[in-house]
Structures are given as structure tokens and as C-alpha cells.
Amino acid sequence: MLTNTMKPIAAALLMLAFSTTSWARFAEGSAAYERGGFATALQEWQSLAEQGIASAQFNLGLVYDNGEGVAKDDVEAVKWYRRACIAMG
């Protein structure tokens, strides 16, 4: 869990890792997820995940792991978690 002092640092690192467009799409997916719009979050994160964006891959893992907007699928969740780990090096 990130502490309050770590959150701005983590956010800055994420912004550096994304292009402006990718960051906007990731943020849109995150906002949708927070308000329960799982289908929108999935749509935004899916294309970013397929481009190798680790944060989007991890979030897809969570969506499938928790069955939020999709059928719970442990195999699919692990696939995305593994891709996120590989993308992070």
C-alpha cells in the first residue's frame, strides 16, 4: 500500500512512463472503475495492456481476478499479472 508521501512520487513515475494519450486513457479507465463502470474500464485498459503497459495489464488482472464486469477467470487474471511482471522487467 502506498503511503500519502509515496502517492505523488508513484503518480509522477506513471506519468513519465505513459504518453499523454495513453495516460489519459488509463486515467479514464481508472475513473470508470472507481464509479463501477467496469465495462468502460476494461475497454480502456485492454488496448493499453495489449501495447505492453504494465499498469493496465495489472489492472486487467484485477478485473478478471475479482470478476468485475466480466466472468471471474483465474487463468485470464494470472495471464495479465504475468504480463505485467514481464513488462516491468
PDB file of N, CA and C in Angstrom:
ATOM      1  N   MET A   1       0.841  -1.172   0.000  1.00  0.00           N
ATOM      2  CA  MET A   1       0.000   0.000   0.000  1.00  0.00           C
ATOM      3  C   MET A   1       0.890   1.239   0.000  1.00  0.00           C
ATOM      4  N   LEU A   2       0.534   2.201  -0.788  1.00  0.00           N
ATOM      5  CA  LEU A   2       1.304   3.433  -0.872  1.00  0.00           C
ATOM      6  C   LEU A   2       0.934   4.373   0.270  1.00  0.00           C
ATOM      7  N   THR A   3       1.943   4.976   0.886  1.00  0.00           N
ATOM      8  CA  THR A   3       1.689   5.989   1.896  1.00  0.00           C
ATOM      9  C   THR A   3       1.344   7.290   1.197  1.00  0.00           C
ATOM     10  N   ASN A   4       0.851   8.255   1.944  1.00  0.00           N
ATOM     11  CA  ASN A   4       0.490   9.543   1.350  1.00  0.00           C
ATOM     12  C   ASN A   4       1.696  10.236   0.738  1.00  0.00           C
ATOM     13  N   THR A   5       2.878  10.045   1.293  1.00  0.00           N
ATOM     14  CA  THR A   5       4.062  10.683   0.717  1.00  0.00           C
ATOM     15  C   THR A   5       4.541   9.960  -0.533  1.00  0.00           C
ATOM     16  N   MET A   6       4.204   8.688  -0.675  1.00  0.00           N
ATOM     17  CA  MET A   6       4.627   7.920  -1.845  1.00  0.00           C
ATOM     18  C   MET A   6       3.706   8.113  -3.037  1.00  0.00           C
ATOM     19  N   LYS A   7       2.447   8.469  -2.810  1.00  0.00           N
ATOM     20  CA  LYS A   7       1.475   8.586  -3.894  1.00  0.00           C
ATOM     21  C   LYS A   7       1.884   9.603  -4.959  1.00  0.00           C
ATOM     22  N   PRO A   8       2.327  10.811  -4.588  1.00  0.00           N
ATOM     23  CA  PRO A   8       2.740  11.751  -5.633  1.00  0.00           C
ATOM     24  C   PRO A   8       3.942  11.256  -6.435  1.00  0.00           C
ATOM     25  N   ILE A   9       4.850  10.565  -5.780  1.00  0.00           N
ATOM     26  CA  ILE A   9       6.021  10.025  -6.479  1.00  0.00           C
ATOM     27  C   ILE A   9       5.587   8.947  -7.461  1.00  0.00           C
ATOM     28  N   ALA A  10       4.712   8.054  -7.014  1.00  0.00           N
ATOM     29  CA  ALA A  10       4.214   6.996  -7.896  1.00  0.00           C
ATOM     30  C   ALA A  10       3.458   7.583  -9.076  1.00  0.00           C
ATOM     31  N   ALA A  11       2.652   8.596  -8.826  1.00  0.00           N
ATOM     32  CA  ALA A  11       1.902   9.230  -9.910  1.00  0.00           C
ATOM     33  C   ALA A  11       2.843   9.881 -10.918  1.00  0.00           C
ATOM     34  N   ALA A  12       3.888  10.520 -10.429  1.00  0.00           N
ATOM     35  CA  ALA A  12       4.858  11.154 -11.333  1.00  0.00           C
ATOM     36  C   ALA A  12       5.565  10.114 -12.189  1.00  0.00           C
ATOM     37  N   LEU A  13       5.934   9.004 -11.604  1.00  0.00           N
ATOM     38  CA  LEU A  13       6.596   7.943 -12.367  1.00  0.00           C
ATOM     39  C   LEU A  13       5.664   7.361 -13.422  1.00  0.00           C
ATOM     40  N   LEU A  14       4.407   7.190 -13.067  1.00  0.00           N
ATOM     41  CA  LEU A  14       3.442   6.688 -14.048  1.00  0.00           C
ATOM     42  C   LEU A  14       3.290   7.653 -15.204  1.00  0.00           C
ATOM     43  N   MET A  15       3.241   8.942 -14.908  1.00  0.00           N
ATOM     44  CA  MET A  15       3.085   9.935 -15.979  1.00  0.00           C
ATOM     45  C   MET A  15       4.284   9.915 -16.915  1.00  0.00           C
ATOM     46  N   LEU A  16       5.465   9.705 -16.385  1.00  0.00           N
ATOM     47  CA  LEU A  16       6.645   9.632 -17.239  1.00  0.00           C
ATOM     48  C   LEU A  16       6.621   8.398 -18.128  1.00  0.00           C
ATOM     49  N   ALA A  17       6.015   7.336 -17.634  1.00  0.00           N
ATOM     50  CA  ALA A  17       6.000   6.077 -18.372  1.00  0.00           C
ATOM     51  C   ALA A  17       4.984   6.066 -19.509  1.00  0.00           C
ATOM     52  N   PHE A  18       3.992   6.910 -19.451  1.00  0.00           N
ATOM     53  CA  PHE A  18       2.926   6.925 -20.443  1.00  0.00           C
ATOM     54  C   PHE A  18       3.045   8.132 -21.371  1.00  0.00           C
ATOM     55  N   SER A  19       2.595   7.959 -22.587  1.00  0.00           N
ATOM     56  CA  SER A  19       2.389   9.125 -23.439  1.00  0.00           C
ATOM     57  C   SER A  19       1.163   9.847 -22.901  1.00  0.00           C
ATOM     58  N   THR A  20       0.955  11.073 -23.317  1.00  0.00           N
ATOM     59  CA  THR A  20      -0.187  11.853 -22.850  1.00  0.00           C
ATOM     60  C   THR A  20      -1.500  11.150 -23.170  1.00  0.00           C
ATOM     61  N   THR A  21      -1.615  10.624 -24.365  1.00  0.00           N
ATOM     62  CA  THR A  21      -2.842   9.936 -24.760  1.00  0.00           C
ATOM     63  C   THR A  21      -3.052   8.676 -23.940  1.00  0.00           C
ATOM     64  N   SER A  22      -2.001   7.892 -23.787  1.00  0.00           N
ATOM     65  CA  SER A  22      -2.109   6.664 -23.001  1.00  0.00           C
ATOM     66  C   SER A  22      -2.463   6.980 -21.561  1.00  0.00           C
ATOM     67  N   TRP A  23      -1.825   8.012 -21.002  1.00  0.00           N
ATOM     68  CA  TRP A  23      -2.125   8.390 -19.619  1.00  0.00           C
ATOM     69  C   TRP A  23      -3.587   8.786 -19.485  1.00  0.00           C
ATOM     70  N   ALA A  24      -4.099   9.551 -20.440  1.00  0.00           N
ATOM     71  CA  ALA A  24      -5.496   9.978 -20.388  1.00  0.00           C
ATOM     72  C   ALA A  24      -6.430   8.772 -20.443  1.00  0.00           C
ATOM     73  N   ARG A  25      -6.129   7.836 -21.294  1.00  0.00           N
ATOM     74  CA  ARG A  25      -6.978   6.643 -21.416  1.00  0.00           C
ATOM     75  C   ARG A  25      -6.901   5.793 -20.150  1.00  0.00           C
ATOM     76  N   PHE A  26      -5.691   5.666 -19.588  1.00  0.00           N
ATOM     77  CA  PHE A  26      -5.543   4.916 -18.344  1.00  0.00           C
ATOM     78  C   PHE A  26      -6.346   5.582 -17.232  1.00  0.00           C
ATOM     79  N   ALA A  27      -6.252   6.906 -17.149  1.00  0.00           N
ATOM     80  CA  ALA A  27      -6.989   7.662 -16.129  1.00  0.00           C
ATOM     81  C   ALA A  27      -8.492   7.536 -16.327  1.00  0.00           C
ATOM     82  N   GLU A  28      -8.948   7.553 -17.577  1.00  0.00           N
ATOM     83  CA  GLU A  28     -10.380   7.373 -17.861  1.00  0.00           C
ATOM     84  C   GLU A  28     -10.850   6.004 -17.384  1.00  0.00           C
ATOM     85  N   GLY A  29     -10.036   4.993 -17.653  1.00  0.00           N
ATOM     86  CA  GLY A  29     -10.367   3.645 -17.187  1.00  0.00           C
ATOM     87  C   GLY A  29     -10.411   3.571 -15.672  1.00  0.00           C
ATOM     88  N   SER A  30      -9.463   4.221 -15.016  1.00  0.00           N
ATOM     89  CA  SER A  30      -9.423   4.227 -13.553  1.00  0.00           C
ATOM     90  C   SER A  30     -10.635   4.932 -12.957  1.00  0.00           C
ATOM     91  N   ALA A  31     -11.001   6.065 -13.555  1.00  0.00           N
ATOM     92  CA  ALA A  31     -12.178   6.807 -13.077  1.00  0.00           C
ATOM     93  C   ALA A  31     -13.446   5.978 -13.268  1.00  0.00           C
ATOM     94  N   ALA A  32     -13.555   5.331 -14.413  1.00  0.00           N
ATOM     95  CA  ALA A  32     -14.718   4.476 -14.680  1.00  0.00           C
ATOM     96  C   ALA A  32     -14.781   3.332 -13.672  1.00  0.00           C
ATOM     97  N   TYR A  33     -13.646   2.722 -13.411  1.00  0.00           N
ATOM     98  CA  TYR A  33     -13.576   1.612 -12.457  1.00  0.00           C
ATOM     99  C   TYR A  33     -14.045   2.071 -11.079  1.00  0.00           C
ATOM    100  N   GLU A  34     -13.578   3.230 -10.647  1.00  0.00           N
ATOM    101  CA  GLU A  34     -13.935   3.752  -9.325  1.00  0.00           C
ATOM    102  C   GLU A  34     -15.433   3.994  -9.178  1.00  0.00           C
ATOM    103  N   ARG A  35     -16.103   4.337 -10.268  1.00  0.00           N
ATOM    104  CA  ARG A  35     -17.547   4.575 -10.177  1.00  0.00           C
ATOM    105  C   ARG A  35     -18.364   3.338 -10.565  1.00  0.00           C
ATOM    106  N   GLY A  36     -17.681   2.204 -10.744  1.00  0.00           N
ATOM    107  CA  GLY A  36     -18.387   0.960 -11.053  1.00  0.00           C
ATOM    108  C   GLY A  36     -18.608   0.715 -12.522  1.00  0.00           C
ATOM    109  N   GLY A  37     -17.995   1.513 -13.390  1.00  0.00           N
ATOM    110  CA  GLY A  37     -18.127   1.335 -14.836  1.00  0.00           C
ATOM    111  C   GLY A  37     -17.078   0.350 -15.346  1.00  0.00           C
ATOM    112  N   PHE A  38     -17.235  -0.894 -14.947  1.00  0.00           N
ATOM    113  CA  PHE A  38     -16.216  -1.907 -15.239  1.00  0.00           C
ATOM    114  C   PHE A  38     -16.043  -2.173 -16.728  1.00  0.00           C
ATOM    115  N   ALA A  39     -17.114  -2.112 -17.498  1.00  0.00           N
ATOM    116  CA  ALA A  39     -17.008  -2.353 -18.942  1.00  0.00           C
ATOM    117  C   ALA A  39     -16.160  -1.273 -19.602  1.00  0.00           C
ATOM    118  N   THR A  40     -16.356  -0.019 -19.199  1.00  0.00           N
ATOM    119  CA  THR A  40     -15.556   1.079 -19.746  1.00  0.00           C
ATOM    120  C   THR A  40     -14.103   0.940 -19.333  1.00  0.00           C
ATOM    121  N   ALA A  41     -13.868   0.613 -18.059  1.00  0.00           N
ATOM    122  CA  ALA A  41     -12.503   0.421 -17.573  1.00  0.00           C
ATOM    123  C   ALA A  41     -11.816  -0.691 -18.360  1.00  0.00           C
ATOM    124  N   LEU A  42     -12.522  -1.784 -18.552  1.00  0.00           N
ATOM    125  CA  LEU A  42     -11.970  -2.911 -19.302  1.00  0.00           C
ATOM    126  C   LEU A  42     -11.602  -2.494 -20.718  1.00  0.00           C
ATOM    127  N   GLN A  43     -12.479  -1.745 -21.360  1.00  0.00           N
ATOM    128  CA  GLN A  43     -12.233  -1.290 -22.734  1.00  0.00           C
ATOM    129  C   GLN A  43     -10.996  -0.398 -22.801  1.00  0.00           C
ATOM    130  N   GLU A  44     -10.879   0.547 -21.881  1.00  0.00           N
ATOM    131  CA  GLU A  44      -9.734   1.458 -21.883  1.00  0.00           C
ATOM    132  C   GLU A  44      -8.430   0.713 -21.603  1.00  0.00           C
ATOM    133  N   TRP A  45      -8.449  -0.148 -20.614  1.00  0.00           N
ATOM    134  CA  TRP A  45      -7.228  -0.846 -20.202  1.00  0.00           C
ATOM    135  C   TRP A  45      -6.820  -1.946 -21.170  1.00  0.00           C
ATOM    136  N   GLN A  46      -7.779  -2.565 -21.846  1.00  0.00           N
ATOM    137  CA  GLN A  46      -7.470  -3.695 -22.733  1.00  0.00           C
ATOM    138  C   GLN A  46      -6.479  -3.299 -23.827  1.00  0.00           C
ATOM    139  N   SER A  47      -6.756  -2.223 -24.531  1.00  0.00           N
ATOM    140  CA  SER A  47      -5.863  -1.844 -25.627  1.00  0.00           C
ATOM    141  C   SER A  47      -4.500  -1.395 -25.099  1.00  0.00           C
ATOM    142  N   LEU A  48      -4.489  -0.708 -23.967  1.00  0.00           N
ATOM    143  CA  LEU A  48      -3.202  -0.313 -23.368  1.00  0.00           C
ATOM    144  C   LEU A  48      -2.417  -1.543 -22.923  1.00  0.00           C
ATOM    145  N   ALA A  49      -3.113  -2.504 -22.352  1.00  0.00           N
ATOM    146  CA  ALA A  49      -2.458  -3.740 -21.904  1.00  0.00           C
ATOM    147  C   ALA A  49      -1.843  -4.482 -23.081  1.00  0.00           C
ATOM    148  N   GLU A  50      -2.555  -4.520 -24.195  1.00  0.00           N
ATOM    149  CA  GLU A  50      -2.040  -5.200 -25.380  1.00  0.00           C
ATOM    150  C   GLU A  50      -0.824  -4.478 -25.972  1.00  0.00           C
ATOM    151  N   GLN A  51      -0.671  -3.185 -25.643  1.00  0.00           N
ATOM    152  CA  GLN A  51       0.501  -2.412 -26.076  1.00  0.00           C
ATOM    153  C   GLN A  51       1.676  -2.585 -25.115  1.00  0.00           C
ATOM    154  N   GLY A  52       1.470  -3.349 -24.049  1.00  0.00           N
ATOM    155  CA  GLY A  52       2.549  -3.619 -23.111  1.00  0.00           C
ATOM    156  C   GLY A  52       2.633  -2.700 -21.915  1.00  0.00           C
ATOM    157  N   ILE A  53       1.575  -1.934 -21.638  1.00  0.00           N
ATOM    158  CA  ILE A  53       1.556  -1.033 -20.490  1.00  0.00           C
ATOM    159  C   ILE A  53       1.289  -1.862 -19.227  1.00  0.00           C
ATOM    160  N   ALA A  54       2.309  -1.968 -18.372  1.00  0.00           N
ATOM    161  CA  ALA A  54       2.244  -2.856 -17.206  1.00  0.00           C
ATOM    162  C   ALA A  54       1.091  -2.511 -16.262  1.00  0.00           C
ATOM    163  N   SER A  55       0.847  -1.246 -16.013  1.00  0.00           N
ATOM    164  CA  SER A  55      -0.229  -0.862 -15.089  1.00  0.00           C
ATOM    165  C   SER A  55      -1.593  -1.308 -15.607  1.00  0.00           C
ATOM    166  N   ALA A  56      -1.795  -1.179 -16.902  1.00  0.00           N
ATOM    167  CA  ALA A  56      -3.058  -1.626 -17.499  1.00  0.00           C
ATOM    168  C   ALA A  56      -3.159  -3.149 -17.445  1.00  0.00           C
ATOM    169  N   GLN A  57      -2.048  -3.826 -17.671  1.00  0.00           N
ATOM    170  CA  GLN A  57      -2.042  -5.288 -17.585  1.00  0.00           C
ATOM    171  C   GLN A  57      -2.392  -5.746 -16.174  1.00  0.00           C
ATOM    172  N   PHE A  58      -1.779  -5.110 -15.188  1.00  0.00           N
ATOM    173  CA  PHE A  58      -2.077  -5.457 -13.798  1.00  0.00           C
ATOM    174  C   PHE A  58      -3.547  -5.214 -13.475  1.00  0.00           C
ATOM    175  N   ASN A  59      -4.074  -4.075 -13.923  1.00  0.00           N
ATOM    176  CA  ASN A  59      -5.481  -3.769 -13.654  1.00  0.00           C
ATOM    177  C   ASN A  59      -6.420  -4.759 -14.324  1.00  0.00           C
ATOM    178  N   LEU A  60      -6.066  -5.222 -15.513  1.00  0.00           N
ATOM    179  CA  LEU A  60      -6.876  -6.270 -16.145  1.00  0.00           C
ATOM    180  C   LEU A  60      -6.848  -7.537 -15.302  1.00  0.00           C
ATOM    181  N   GLY A  61      -5.689  -7.841 -14.755  1.00  0.00           N
ATOM    182  CA  GLY A  61      -5.595  -8.988 -13.849  1.00  0.00           C
ATOM    183  C   GLY A  61      -6.562  -8.847 -12.690  1.00  0.00           C
ATOM    184  N   LEU A  62      -6.629  -7.664 -12.112  1.00  0.00           N
ATOM    185  CA  LEU A  62      -7.557  -7.425 -11.006  1.00  0.00           C
ATOM    186  C   LEU A  62      -9.012  -7.600 -11.430  1.00  0.00           C
ATOM    187  N   VAL A  63      -9.343  -7.058 -12.601  1.00  0.00           N
ATOM    188  CA  VAL A  63     -10.722  -7.157 -13.095  1.00  0.00           C
ATOM    189  C   VAL A  63     -11.129  -8.629 -13.237  1.00  0.00           C
ATOM    190  N   TYR A  64     -10.269  -9.421 -13.851  1.00  0.00           N
ATOM    191  CA  TYR A  64     -10.587 -10.843 -14.022  1.00  0.00           C
ATOM    192  C   TYR A  64     -10.503 -11.606 -12.700  1.00  0.00           C
ATOM    193  N   ASP A  65      -9.593 -11.218 -11.846  1.00  0.00           N
ATOM    194  CA  ASP A  65      -9.436 -11.867 -10.546  1.00  0.00           C
ATOM    195  C   ASP A  65     -10.676 -11.670  -9.683  1.00  0.00           C
ATOM    196  N   ASN A  66     -11.252 -10.485  -9.744  1.00  0.00           N
ATOM    197  CA  ASN A  66     -12.420 -10.156  -8.928  1.00  0.00           C
ATOM    198  C   ASN A  66     -13.752 -10.358  -9.640  1.00  0.00           C
ATOM    199  N   GLY A  67     -13.717 -10.627 -10.953  1.00  0.00           N
ATOM    200  CA  GLY A  67     -14.953 -10.819 -11.706  1.00  0.00           C
ATOM    201  C   GLY A  67     -15.782  -9.556 -11.775  1.00  0.00           C
ATOM    202  N   GLU A  68     -15.125  -8.429 -12.033  1.00  0.00           N
ATOM    203  CA  GLU A  68     -15.814  -7.146 -12.079  1.00  0.00           C
ATOM    204  C   GLU A  68     -16.082  -6.749 -13.527  1.00  0.00           C
ATOM    205  N   GLY A  69     -17.327  -6.935 -13.952  1.00  0.00           N
ATOM    206  CA  GLY A  69     -17.712  -6.618 -15.322  1.00  0.00           C
ATOM    207  C   GLY A  69     -17.441  -7.739 -16.298  1.00  0.00           C
ATOM    208  N   VAL A  70     -16.798  -8.775 -15.834  1.00  0.00           N
ATOM    209  CA  VAL A  70     -16.504  -9.979 -16.629  1.00  0.00           C
ATOM    210  C   VAL A  70     -16.701 -11.179 -15.713  1.00  0.00           C
ATOM    211  N   ALA A  71     -16.797 -12.340 -16.320  1.00  0.00           N
ATOM    212  CA  ALA A  71     -16.844 -13.555 -15.506  1.00  0.00           C
ATOM    213  C   ALA A  71     -15.496 -13.726 -14.802  1.00  0.00           C
ATOM    214  N   LYS A  72     -15.525 -14.096 -13.530  1.00  0.00           N
ATOM    215  CA  LYS A  72     -14.289 -14.347 -12.794  1.00  0.00           C
ATOM    216  C   LYS A  72     -13.515 -15.437 -13.524  1.00  0.00           C
ATOM    217  N   ASP A  73     -12.245 -15.151 -13.812  1.00  0.00           N
ATOM    218  CA  ASP A  73     -11.441 -16.068 -14.612  1.00  0.00           C
ATOM    219  C   ASP A  73     -10.006 -16.031 -14.085  1.00  0.00           C
ATOM    220  N   ASP A  74      -9.679 -17.009 -13.252  1.00  0.00           N
ATOM    221  CA  ASP A  74      -8.350 -17.052 -12.641  1.00  0.00           C
ATOM    222  C   ASP A  74      -7.237 -17.219 -13.664  1.00  0.00           C
ATOM    223  N   VAL A  75      -7.490 -17.975 -14.711  1.00  0.00           N
ATOM    224  CA  VAL A  75      -6.470 -18.190 -15.751  1.00  0.00           C
ATOM    225  C   VAL A  75      -6.171 -16.874 -16.471  1.00  0.00           C
ATOM    226  N   GLU A  76      -7.214 -16.144 -16.825  1.00  0.00           N
ATOM    227  CA  GLU A  76      -7.040 -14.860 -17.505  1.00  0.00           C
ATOM    228  C   GLU A  76      -6.362 -13.847 -16.569  1.00  0.00           C
ATOM    229  N   ALA A  77      -6.749 -13.869 -15.298  1.00  0.00           N
ATOM    230  CA  ALA A  77      -6.128 -12.964 -14.320  1.00  0.00           C
ATOM    231  C   ALA A  77      -4.623 -13.225 -14.222  1.00  0.00           C
ATOM    232  N   VAL A  78      -4.246 -14.479 -14.090  1.00  0.00           N
ATOM    233  CA  VAL A  78      -2.821 -14.816 -13.972  1.00  0.00           C
ATOM    234  C   VAL A  78      -2.070 -14.434 -15.246  1.00  0.00           C
ATOM    235  N   LYS A  79      -2.698 -14.616 -16.400  1.00  0.00           N
ATOM    236  CA  LYS A  79      -2.062 -14.226 -17.661  1.00  0.00           C
ATOM    237  C   LYS A  79      -1.681 -12.751 -17.638  1.00  0.00           C
ATOM    238  N   TRP A  80      -2.620 -11.901 -17.200  1.00  0.00           N
ATOM    239  CA  TRP A  80      -2.355 -10.460 -17.186  1.00  0.00           C
ATOM    240  C   TRP A  80      -1.393 -10.068 -16.083  1.00  0.00           C
ATOM    241  N   TYR A  81      -1.466 -10.730 -14.932  1.00  0.00           N
ATOM    242  CA  TYR A  81      -0.493 -10.453 -13.869  1.00  0.00           C
ATOM    243  C   TYR A  81       0.924 -10.792 -14.348  1.00  0.00           C
ATOM    244  N   ARG A  82       1.070 -11.918 -15.015  1.00  0.00           N
ATOM    245  CA  ARG A  82       2.391 -12.323 -15.517  1.00  0.00           C
ATOM    246  C   ARG A  82       2.914 -11.334 -16.561  1.00  0.00           C
ATOM    247  N   ARG A  83       2.043 -10.908 -17.473  1.00  0.00           N
ATOM    248  CA  ARG A  83       2.464  -9.943 -18.484  1.00  0.00           C
ATOM    249  C   ARG A  83       2.917  -8.643 -17.827  1.00  0.00           C
ATOM    250  N   ALA A  84       2.217  -8.224 -16.776  1.00  0.00           N
ATOM    251  CA  ALA A  84       2.596  -7.001 -16.065  1.00  0.00           C
ATOM    252  C   ALA A  84       3.975  -7.162 -15.439  1.00  0.00           C
ATOM    253  N   CYS A  85       4.230  -8.313 -14.850  1.00  0.00           N
ATOM    254  CA  CYS A  85       5.549  -8.558 -14.248  1.00  0.00           C
ATOM    255  C   CYS A  85       6.640  -8.531 -15.303  1.00  0.00           C
ATOM    256  N   ILE A  86       6.397  -9.141 -16.438  1.00  0.00           N
ATOM    257  CA  ILE A  86       7.387  -9.154 -17.523  1.00  0.00           C
ATOM    258  C   ILE A  86       7.612  -7.742 -18.049  1.00  0.00           C
ATOM    259  N   ALA A  87       6.542  -6.983 -18.212  1.00  0.00           N
ATOM    260  CA  ALA A  87       6.662  -5.619 -18.745  1.00  0.00           C
ATOM    261  C   ALA A  87       7.438  -4.714 -17.797  1.00  0.00           C
ATOM    262  N   MET A  88       7.343  -4.988 -16.506  1.00  0.00           N
ATOM    263  CA  MET A  88       8.063  -4.161 -15.526  1.00  0.00           C
ATOM    264  C   MET A  88       9.522  -4.568 -15.405  1.00  0.00           C
ATOM    265  N   GLY A  89       9.866  -5.689 -16.042  1.00  0.00           N
ATOM    266  CA  GLY A  89      11.262  -6.105 -16.089  1.00  0.00           C
ATOM    267  C   GLY A  89      11.694  -6.785 -14.878  1.00  0.00           C
TER     268      GLY A  89
END
